Amino acid sequence: MAKKEKVQEMFNGIAPKYDLLNHLLSMGVDKSWRKKAMKVVGAGRKDLVLDIACGTGDFSIEALKHGVKRVVGADISENMLAVAREKAKAKGLSDQLDFQFGDSENLTFDSNTFDAVTVAFGVRNFEHLELGLTEMCRVLKPGGKVVILEFSTPEHFPMKQLYNFYFRYILPFVGGVISGNRKAYEYLPASVFAFPQGKNFLDIMRGAGYSNVSQQRLTFGIASLYVGEK
């Protein structure tokens, strides 16, 4: 089974408990990370934003709080999208949020469509990272921003050692017990450790067509905020 199909199957399986586990396993810090990322989006043109790997829609909903007028959320997991649509409906935001099936490596949108493109904790799941980033750049308007939030690994003692222990042992156990799918929460740390971080990822972003790329480490380096312009 290809990576894309495995990711799709995994997220379909954990969709009902995804939000609970996200907030629990990050001890709620993920909410502040999303706010920080959306401040970057909100500082530019923000009529229409594309949220790739939108999952259950938290990042898309956060965008509206920062002045974005309309968000298109795309994901390959129909079960995650179903949760996102229910959230939008419950909050009365269905007119501003459009959640649809979408593959980051083969986007159906016209070139130069979106003011900004965002991804929260999704780029490490791309089967072909460069292709996904290039497609995102294609649909971005000239001068538009890509804002990517992704897990990273702390570099300094003692946070590095604590993080490694938590990610390798605590997270798979708790995530497995609550979701009933331990493999999904063993995949998460494995995917983070395998992801090209820092300078390596910034170089890949440049190769995909972005300029003025930057990285900001968040909460001792547990997560990173990457920004680039078209």
Protein backbone atom coordinates (compact mmCIF):
# COMPACT_ATOMS: atom_id res chain seq x y z
CA MET A 1 0.00 0.00 0.00
CA ALA A 2 1.33 3.45 -0.96
CA LYS A 3 2.05 6.00 1.78
CA LYS A 4 -0.89 8.15 0.66
CA GLU A 5 -3.35 5.26 1.01
CA LYS A 6 -1.93 4.31 4.42
CA VAL A 7 -2.27 7.91 5.66
CA GLN A 8 -5.81 8.11 4.27
CA GLU A 9 -6.85 4.87 5.99
CA MET A 10 -5.19 5.86 9.26
CA PHE A 11 -6.85 9.28 9.51
CA ASN A 12 -10.23 7.88 8.52
CA GLY A 13 -9.87 5.50 11.45
CA ILE A 14 -8.91 8.04 14.13
CA ALA A 15 -11.16 10.93 12.98
CA PRO A 16 -13.74 10.64 15.83
CA LYS A 17 -11.08 11.02 18.56
CA TYR A 18 -8.62 13.18 16.61
CA ASP A 19 -9.41 16.55 18.24
CA LEU A 20 -9.44 15.16 21.77
CA LEU A 21 -6.08 13.49 21.28
CA ASN A 22 -4.52 16.50 19.58
CA HIS A 23 -5.30 18.77 22.51
CA LEU A 24 -4.52 16.12 25.12
CA LEU A 25 -1.19 14.94 23.70
CA SER A 26 0.06 18.47 23.04
CA MET A 27 -1.29 19.57 26.45
CA GLY A 28 -3.32 22.24 24.67
CA VAL A 29 -0.26 24.04 23.27
CA ASP A 30 -1.38 23.25 19.70
CA LYS A 31 -4.06 25.96 20.02
CA SER A 32 -1.47 28.68 20.65
CA TRP A 33 0.62 27.41 17.73
CA ARG A 34 -2.36 27.75 15.40
CA LYS A 35 -3.03 31.30 16.61
CA LYS A 36 0.60 32.28 16.03
CA ALA A 37 0.52 30.84 12.51
CA MET A 38 -2.73 32.60 11.66
CA LYS A 39 -1.34 35.95 12.78
CA VAL A 40 1.11 35.58 9.88
CA VAL A 41 -1.74 34.80 7.48
CA GLY A 42 -3.90 37.61 8.88
CA ALA A 43 -1.16 40.17 8.29
CA GLY A 44 -1.42 39.82 4.50
CA ARG A 45 -4.15 39.64 1.87
CA LYS A 46 -6.77 37.28 3.19
CA ASP A 47 -9.88 37.16 1.02
CA LEU A 48 -9.42 33.50 0.06
CA VAL A 49 -7.20 30.94 1.81
CA LEU A 50 -6.56 27.28 0.99
CA ASP A 51 -6.00 25.01 4.01
CA ILE A 52 -4.28 21.82 2.85
CA ALA A 53 -4.59 18.64 4.96
CA CYS A 54 -7.29 20.55 6.85
CA GLY A 55 -8.31 17.54 8.93
CA THR A 56 -11.17 18.39 11.27
CA GLY A 57 -11.03 22.08 10.36
CA ASP A 58 -9.47 23.73 13.42
CA PHE A 59 -6.89 25.66 11.38
CA SER A 60 -9.53 26.76 8.86
CA ILE A 61 -11.83 28.00 11.63
CA GLU A 62 -8.93 29.84 13.29
CA ALA A 63 -8.30 31.65 9.98
CA LEU A 64 -11.74 33.25 10.10
CA LYS A 65 -10.96 34.65 13.56
CA HIS A 66 -8.01 36.48 12.01
CA GLY A 67 -10.01 38.24 9.33
CA VAL A 68 -9.90 35.71 6.48
CA LYS A 69 -13.15 35.99 4.53
CA ARG A 70 -13.36 32.49 3.07
CA VAL A 71 -11.41 29.25 3.48
CA VAL A 72 -11.34 26.20 1.26
CA GLY A 73 -10.19 23.18 3.28
CA ALA A 74 -8.84 20.14 1.42
CA ASP A 75 -8.05 16.70 2.79
CA ILE A 76 -7.81 13.08 1.57
CA SER A 77 -9.70 11.73 4.60
CA GLU A 78 -13.47 11.86 4.10
CA ASN A 79 -14.07 11.00 7.77
CA MET A 80 -11.99 13.99 8.91
CA LEU A 81 -13.85 16.22 6.43
CA ALA A 82 -17.18 15.01 7.82
CA VAL A 83 -16.13 16.16 11.31
CA ALA A 84 -14.97 19.52 9.87
CA ARG A 85 -18.29 20.08 8.09
CA GLU A 86 -20.23 19.34 11.27
CA LYS A 87 -18.08 21.83 13.17
CA ALA A 88 -18.67 24.52 10.54
CA LYS A 89 -22.41 23.87 10.63
CA ALA A 90 -22.55 23.98 14.44
CA LYS A 91 -20.71 27.31 14.49
CA GLY A 92 -22.82 28.80 11.68
CA LEU A 93 -19.76 29.13 9.43
CA SER A 94 -20.77 26.93 6.48
CA ASP A 95 -20.98 29.95 4.14
CA GLN A 96 -17.34 30.83 4.82
CA LEU A 97 -15.88 27.34 5.00
CA ASP A 98 -15.83 24.89 2.11
CA PHE A 99 -14.41 21.49 3.07
CA GLN A 100 -13.73 19.20 0.13
CA PHE A 101 -11.75 16.12 -0.83
CA GLY A 102 -8.38 17.19 -2.22
CA ASP A 103 -4.95 15.72 -2.85
CA SER A 104 -2.08 18.16 -2.22
CA GLU A 105 -0.09 16.61 -5.07
CA ASN A 106 -2.84 17.06 -7.66
CA LEU A 107 -4.90 20.13 -6.77
CA THR A 108 -7.93 20.86 -8.94
CA PHE A 109 -7.77 24.65 -8.48
CA ASP A 110 -6.61 27.14 -11.10
CA SER A 111 -3.16 28.68 -10.82
CA ASN A 112 -2.85 31.99 -8.93
CA THR A 113 -6.15 31.52 -7.04
CA PHE A 114 -5.43 31.88 -3.30
CA ASP A 115 -4.10 34.76 -1.20
CA ALA A 116 -2.48 32.28 1.20
CA VAL A 117 -2.02 28.52 1.52
CA THR A 118 -1.73 26.91 4.95
CA VAL A 119 -0.84 23.45 6.25
CA ALA A 120 -0.95 22.44 9.92
CA PHE A 121 0.85 19.20 10.80
CA GLY A 122 0.26 17.78 7.32
CA VAL A 123 3.32 18.24 5.10
CA ARG A 124 5.18 15.36 6.72
CA ASN A 125 2.38 13.09 5.47
CA PHE A 126 2.85 14.06 1.80
CA GLU A 127 3.91 11.08 -0.26
CA HIS A 128 5.96 13.33 -2.55
CA LEU A 129 6.92 16.41 -0.52
CA GLU A 130 8.38 18.51 -3.36
CA LEU A 131 5.41 17.84 -5.61
CA GLY A 132 2.93 18.86 -2.91
CA LEU A 133 4.82 22.07 -2.16
CA THR A 134 5.09 22.90 -5.88
CA GLU A 135 1.34 22.42 -6.37
CA MET A 136 0.65 24.68 -3.40
CA CYS A 137 2.90 27.33 -4.94
CA ARG A 138 1.10 27.02 -8.28
CA VAL A 139 -2.34 27.83 -6.83
CA LEU A 140 -0.95 30.70 -4.73
CA LYS A 141 -1.29 34.23 -6.09
CA PRO A 142 1.96 36.12 -6.81
CA GLY A 143 3.01 37.80 -3.57
CA GLY A 144 0.91 35.35 -1.55
CA LYS A 145 2.22 33.44 1.46
CA VAL A 146 2.50 29.79 2.35
CA VAL A 147 2.31 29.19 6.11
CA ILE A 148 3.29 25.72 7.32
CA LEU A 149 3.05 24.52 10.92
CA GLU A 150 4.81 21.23 11.58
CA PHE A 151 6.25 19.21 14.44
CA SER A 152 10.01 19.38 14.85
CA THR A 153 12.52 17.96 17.30
CA PRO A 154 14.14 20.00 20.10
CA GLU A 155 17.91 20.30 19.82
CA HIS A 156 19.04 20.94 23.40
CA PHE A 157 19.20 19.08 26.72
CA PRO A 158 16.96 18.30 28.59
CA MET A 159 14.02 19.03 26.29
CA LYS A 160 15.47 16.87 23.50
CA GLN A 161 15.65 13.80 25.77
CA LEU A 162 12.22 14.42 27.36
CA TYR A 163 10.63 14.93 23.96
CA ASN A 164 12.15 11.74 22.54
CA PHE A 165 10.91 9.70 25.50
CA TYR A 166 7.42 11.22 25.36
CA PHE A 167 7.10 10.80 21.60
CA ARG A 168 8.45 7.25 21.48
CA TYR A 169 6.68 5.76 24.52
CA ILE A 170 4.00 7.92 26.18
CA LEU A 171 2.27 9.27 23.07
CA PRO A 172 1.79 5.88 21.29
CA PHE A 173 0.46 4.31 24.50
CA VAL A 174 -2.05 7.08 25.39
CA GLY A 175 -3.05 7.66 21.77
CA GLY A 176 -3.51 3.93 21.25
CA VAL A 177 -5.66 3.47 24.35
CA ILE A 178 -7.99 6.39 23.55
CA SER A 179 -8.25 5.93 19.77
CA GLY A 180 -8.01 2.14 19.66
CA ASN A 181 -5.33 2.54 16.98
CA ARG A 182 -1.83 2.38 18.47
CA LYS A 183 -0.23 2.10 15.03
CA ALA A 184 -1.48 5.58 14.10
CA TYR A 185 0.26 7.04 17.14
CA GLU A 186 3.43 5.06 16.45
CA TYR A 187 3.39 6.50 12.93
CA LEU A 188 3.26 10.08 14.24
CA PRO A 189 6.67 10.13 15.99
CA ALA A 190 8.23 8.07 13.19
CA SER A 191 7.01 10.58 10.61
CA VAL A 192 8.33 13.53 12.64
CA PHE A 193 11.80 12.01 13.07
CA ALA A 194 11.95 11.20 9.34
CA PHE A 195 10.87 14.68 8.19
CA PRO A 196 13.55 17.04 6.78
CA GLN A 197 13.59 19.88 9.31
CA GLY A 198 15.08 23.34 9.58
CA LYS A 199 17.51 24.32 6.82
CA ASN A 200 16.80 21.13 4.88
CA PHE A 201 13.11 21.91 4.64
CA LEU A 202 13.77 25.58 3.81
CA ASP A 203 15.96 24.41 0.89
CA ILE A 204 13.12 22.18 -0.35
CA MET A 205 10.73 25.14 -0.12
CA ARG A 206 13.09 27.24 -2.25
CA GLY A 207 13.31 24.43 -4.78
CA ALA A 208 9.49 24.34 -4.96
CA GLY A 209 9.38 28.02 -5.97
CA TYR A 210 9.15 29.98 -2.72
CA SER A 211 11.25 32.99 -1.78
CA ASN A 212 11.92 34.78 1.54
CA VAL A 213 11.58 31.48 3.37
CA SER A 214 11.95 31.42 7.15
CA GLN A 215 11.60 29.13 10.16
CA GLN A 216 10.46 30.07 13.66
CA ARG A 217 10.85 27.45 16.38
CA LEU A 218 7.96 27.24 18.86
CA THR A 219 7.87 25.91 22.46
CA PHE A 220 11.51 24.73 22.80
CA GLY A 221 11.51 23.51 19.19
CA ILE A 222 8.62 21.04 19.56
CA ALA A 223 6.99 22.67 16.54
CA SER A 224 8.18 25.00 13.79
CA LEU A 225 6.46 27.68 11.75
CA TYR A 226 7.72 27.87 8.16
CA VAL A 227 6.77 30.81 5.95
CA GLY A 228 7.48 31.49 2.28
CA GLU A 229 6.29 33.81 -0.48
CA LYS A 230 5.51 33.27 -4.15
